């Protein structure tokens, strides 16, 4: 496999190897790809959780209208309580 890198990425890889944390550029690339793979897996898990939450909401029955003023009032009350707790 042949991979083309920007000079910035090449310098970054070389700096990582020079730091002594990695034995070779290949090791840096492998770890970077493993992190990307892990990030993709985590994104998939989060997406599935979100889909489940959406389905739970759909299954919960008819929706109720949101009163924005009530939401703002509750937020202000919580904020005031938090400030009082810090005092």
N, C-alpha and C. Protein backbone atom coordinates (compact mmCIF):
# COMPACT_ATOMS: atom_id res chain seq x y z
N UNK A 1 0.85 -1.18 0.00
CA UNK A 1 0.00 0.00 0.00
C UNK A 1 0.89 1.24 0.00
N UNK A 2 0.50 2.20 -0.79
CA UNK A 2 1.24 3.44 -0.87
C UNK A 2 0.29 4.56 -0.45
N UNK A 3 0.72 5.38 0.49
CA UNK A 3 -0.14 6.44 1.01
C UNK A 3 0.57 7.78 0.83
N UNK A 4 -0.14 8.75 0.31
CA UNK A 4 0.40 10.10 0.17
C UNK A 4 -0.07 10.96 1.34
N UNK A 5 0.87 11.65 1.96
CA UNK A 5 0.56 12.51 3.10
C UNK A 5 0.96 13.94 2.79
N UNK A 6 0.28 14.87 3.43
CA UNK A 6 0.71 16.26 3.33
C UNK A 6 2.01 16.41 4.12
N UNK A 7 2.76 17.43 3.82
CA UNK A 7 4.01 17.66 4.54
C UNK A 7 3.74 17.90 6.04
N UNK A 8 2.61 18.50 6.34
CA UNK A 8 2.24 18.74 7.73
C UNK A 8 2.02 17.42 8.48
N UNK A 9 1.29 16.49 7.86
CA UNK A 9 1.06 15.19 8.50
C UNK A 9 2.35 14.39 8.59
N UNK A 10 3.17 14.47 7.58
CA UNK A 10 4.44 13.76 7.61
C UNK A 10 5.32 14.27 8.75
N UNK A 11 5.35 15.58 8.92
CA UNK A 11 6.12 16.17 10.03
C UNK A 11 5.54 15.73 11.37
N UNK A 12 4.23 15.70 11.47
CA UNK A 12 3.58 15.27 12.71
C UNK A 12 3.99 13.84 13.06
N UNK A 13 3.95 12.97 12.09
CA UNK A 13 4.33 11.57 12.30
C UNK A 13 5.80 11.47 12.70
N UNK A 14 6.65 12.19 11.99
CA UNK A 14 8.08 12.17 12.32
C UNK A 14 8.34 12.70 13.72
N UNK A 15 7.60 13.72 14.12
CA UNK A 15 7.74 14.27 15.48
C UNK A 15 7.33 13.25 16.53
N UNK A 16 6.27 12.49 16.24
CA UNK A 16 5.82 11.45 17.18
C UNK A 16 6.90 10.37 17.34
N UNK A 17 7.50 9.96 16.23
CA UNK A 17 8.57 8.97 16.29
C UNK A 17 9.77 9.55 17.04
N UNK A 18 10.12 10.80 16.75
CA UNK A 18 11.27 11.45 17.40
C UNK A 18 11.05 11.61 18.90
N UNK A 19 9.78 11.69 19.33
CA UNK A 19 9.49 11.86 20.75
C UNK A 19 9.83 10.60 21.55
N UNK A 20 9.99 9.48 20.85
CA UNK A 20 10.29 8.23 21.52
C UNK A 20 9.05 7.44 21.92
N UNK A 21 7.89 8.00 21.69
CA UNK A 21 6.65 7.29 22.04
C UNK A 21 6.34 6.18 21.05
N UNK A 22 6.88 6.28 19.86
CA UNK A 22 6.64 5.30 18.81
C UNK A 22 7.97 4.88 18.21
N UNK A 23 8.03 3.62 17.77
CA UNK A 23 9.26 3.10 17.17
C UNK A 23 9.36 3.41 15.68
N UNK A 24 8.20 3.64 15.04
CA UNK A 24 8.23 3.85 13.59
C UNK A 24 7.01 4.65 13.15
N UNK A 25 7.10 5.15 11.92
CA UNK A 25 5.96 5.86 11.33
C UNK A 25 4.78 4.91 11.18
N UNK A 26 5.05 3.66 10.85
CA UNK A 26 3.97 2.68 10.70
C UNK A 26 3.20 2.51 12.01
N UNK A 27 3.92 2.52 13.12
CA UNK A 27 3.26 2.38 14.41
C UNK A 27 2.34 3.58 14.68
N UNK A 28 2.77 4.77 14.32
CA UNK A 28 1.94 5.97 14.49
C UNK A 28 0.68 5.85 13.64
N UNK A 29 0.85 5.45 12.41
CA UNK A 29 -0.28 5.31 11.49
C UNK A 29 -1.24 4.24 11.98
N UNK A 30 -0.71 3.09 12.44
CA UNK A 30 -1.58 2.02 12.95
C UNK A 30 -2.41 2.50 14.14
N UNK A 31 -1.76 3.21 15.07
CA UNK A 31 -2.51 3.71 16.23
C UNK A 31 -3.56 4.73 15.81
N UNK A 32 -3.21 5.60 14.87
CA UNK A 32 -4.17 6.57 14.37
C UNK A 32 -5.37 5.90 13.73
N UNK A 33 -5.12 4.87 12.95
CA UNK A 33 -6.22 4.14 12.32
C UNK A 33 -7.06 3.38 13.34
N UNK A 34 -6.42 2.85 14.38
CA UNK A 34 -7.17 2.16 15.43
C UNK A 34 -8.07 3.16 16.16
N UNK A 35 -7.56 4.35 16.42
CA UNK A 35 -8.39 5.38 17.06
C UNK A 35 -9.57 5.76 16.18
N UNK A 36 -9.34 5.87 14.88
CA UNK A 36 -10.42 6.17 13.94
C UNK A 36 -11.45 5.05 13.94
N UNK A 37 -10.98 3.81 13.95
CA UNK A 37 -11.88 2.66 14.00
C UNK A 37 -12.71 2.68 15.28
N UNK A 38 -12.06 2.97 16.41
CA UNK A 38 -12.77 3.05 17.70
C UNK A 38 -13.81 4.17 17.68
N UNK A 39 -13.43 5.31 17.09
CA UNK A 39 -14.35 6.45 17.00
C UNK A 39 -15.56 6.10 16.14
N UNK A 40 -15.35 5.40 15.04
CA UNK A 40 -16.46 4.96 14.19
C UNK A 40 -17.39 4.01 14.95
N UNK A 41 -16.81 3.10 15.72
CA UNK A 41 -17.61 2.15 16.50
C UNK A 41 -18.43 2.89 17.55
N UNK A 42 -17.82 3.86 18.22
CA UNK A 42 -18.53 4.64 19.23
C UNK A 42 -19.65 5.46 18.59
N UNK A 43 -19.39 6.02 17.43
CA UNK A 43 -20.41 6.78 16.71
C UNK A 43 -21.60 5.88 16.36
N UNK A 44 -21.31 4.65 15.96
CA UNK A 44 -22.37 3.69 15.62
C UNK A 44 -23.19 3.33 16.86
N UNK A 45 -22.51 3.14 17.98
CA UNK A 45 -23.21 2.84 19.24
C UNK A 45 -24.13 4.00 19.62
N UNK A 46 -23.60 5.22 19.54
CA UNK A 46 -24.40 6.40 19.89
C UNK A 46 -25.59 6.56 18.95
N UNK A 47 -25.38 6.29 17.67
CA UNK A 47 -26.46 6.39 16.70
C UNK A 47 -27.55 5.37 17.01
N UNK A 48 -27.15 4.15 17.35
CA UNK A 48 -28.13 3.13 17.71
C UNK A 48 -28.90 3.50 18.97
N UNK A 49 -28.20 4.07 19.96
CA UNK A 49 -28.87 4.52 21.19
C UNK A 49 -29.88 5.63 20.87
N UNK A 50 -29.49 6.55 20.00
CA UNK A 50 -30.38 7.64 19.62
C UNK A 50 -31.61 7.09 18.90
N UNK A 51 -31.39 6.13 18.02
CA UNK A 51 -32.53 5.51 17.32
C UNK A 51 -33.48 4.84 18.31
N UNK A 52 -32.90 4.17 19.33
CA UNK A 52 -33.73 3.52 20.34
C UNK A 52 -34.52 4.56 21.14
N UNK A 53 -33.87 5.67 21.48
CA UNK A 53 -34.56 6.73 22.23
C UNK A 53 -35.68 7.35 21.40
N UNK A 54 -35.42 7.54 20.12
CA UNK A 54 -36.46 8.07 19.23
C UNK A 54 -37.63 7.10 19.18
N UNK A 55 -37.33 5.81 19.04
CA UNK A 55 -38.39 4.82 18.97
C UNK A 55 -39.17 4.78 20.28
N UNK A 56 -38.48 4.90 21.41
CA UNK A 56 -39.15 4.94 22.71
C UNK A 56 -40.11 6.13 22.76
N UNK A 57 -39.66 7.26 22.26
CA UNK A 57 -40.52 8.44 22.22
C UNK A 57 -41.73 8.22 21.33
N UNK A 58 -41.52 7.62 20.18
CA UNK A 58 -42.63 7.34 19.26
C UNK A 58 -43.62 6.38 19.91
N UNK A 59 -43.09 5.37 20.61
CA UNK A 59 -43.95 4.37 21.24
C UNK A 59 -44.65 4.88 22.50
N UNK A 60 -44.24 6.04 23.01
CA UNK A 60 -44.78 6.52 24.28
C UNK A 60 -46.18 7.12 24.15
N UNK A 61 -46.64 7.28 22.95
CA UNK A 61 -47.99 7.80 22.77
C UNK A 61 -48.00 9.17 22.14
N UNK A 62 -49.15 9.79 22.24
CA UNK A 62 -49.35 11.09 21.62
C UNK A 62 -48.47 12.14 22.29
N UNK A 63 -47.91 13.01 21.47
CA UNK A 63 -47.03 14.04 22.01
C UNK A 63 -47.85 15.18 22.62
N UNK A 64 -47.20 15.90 23.51
CA UNK A 64 -47.80 17.06 24.14
C UNK A 64 -47.08 18.31 23.64
N UNK A 65 -47.82 19.39 23.43
CA UNK A 65 -47.14 20.60 22.96
C UNK A 65 -46.17 21.13 24.01
N UNK A 66 -45.07 21.69 23.55
CA UNK A 66 -44.05 22.23 24.42
C UNK A 66 -44.34 23.70 24.66
N UNK A 67 -44.41 24.07 25.93
CA UNK A 67 -44.60 25.47 26.28
C UNK A 67 -43.22 26.05 26.58
N UNK A 68 -42.71 26.83 25.65
CA UNK A 68 -41.36 27.36 25.77
C UNK A 68 -41.19 28.24 27.00
N UNK A 69 -42.20 29.00 27.36
CA UNK A 69 -42.11 29.85 28.55
C UNK A 69 -41.91 29.01 29.81
N UNK A 70 -42.59 27.87 29.91
CA UNK A 70 -42.41 26.99 31.07
C UNK A 70 -40.99 26.45 31.13
N UNK A 71 -40.45 26.09 29.98
CA UNK A 71 -39.08 25.57 29.92
C UNK A 71 -38.10 26.64 30.38
N UNK A 72 -38.28 27.86 29.91
CA UNK A 72 -37.40 28.97 30.30
C UNK A 72 -37.53 29.25 31.80
N UNK A 73 -38.74 29.25 32.32
CA UNK A 73 -38.95 29.50 33.75
C UNK A 73 -38.26 28.43 34.59
N UNK A 74 -38.40 27.16 34.20
CA UNK A 74 -37.74 26.08 34.94
C UNK A 74 -36.22 26.24 34.89
N UNK A 75 -35.71 26.63 33.76
CA UNK A 75 -34.27 26.84 33.62
C UNK A 75 -33.79 27.98 34.50
N UNK A 76 -34.55 29.05 34.55
CA UNK A 76 -34.18 30.18 35.42
C UNK A 76 -34.20 29.78 36.89
N UNK A 77 -35.21 29.01 37.28
CA UNK A 77 -35.30 28.56 38.68
C UNK A 77 -34.10 27.69 39.03
N UNK A 78 -33.74 26.75 38.13
CA UNK A 78 -32.58 25.90 38.40
C UNK A 78 -31.32 26.73 38.48
N UNK A 79 -31.18 27.70 37.61
CA UNK A 79 -30.00 28.57 37.62
C UNK A 79 -29.92 29.33 38.94
N UNK A 80 -31.05 29.88 39.38
CA UNK A 80 -31.08 30.62 40.65
C UNK A 80 -30.73 29.70 41.81
N UNK A 81 -31.27 28.48 41.81
CA UNK A 81 -30.96 27.53 42.88
C UNK A 81 -29.47 27.17 42.87
N UNK A 82 -28.91 26.99 41.70
CA UNK A 82 -27.47 26.69 41.61
C UNK A 82 -26.65 27.83 42.15
N UNK A 83 -27.03 29.06 41.85
CA UNK A 83 -26.29 30.22 42.35
C UNK A 83 -26.40 30.30 43.87
N UNK A 84 -27.57 30.01 44.41
CA UNK A 84 -27.77 30.03 45.86
C UNK A 84 -26.92 28.94 46.52
N UNK A 85 -26.81 27.80 45.88
CA UNK A 85 -26.01 26.71 46.43
C UNK A 85 -24.54 27.08 46.49
N UNK A 86 -24.08 27.82 45.50
CA UNK A 86 -22.67 28.23 45.44
C UNK A 86 -22.35 29.33 46.45
N UNK A 87 -23.36 30.08 46.90
CA UNK A 87 -23.12 31.20 47.81
C UNK A 87 -22.82 30.74 49.20
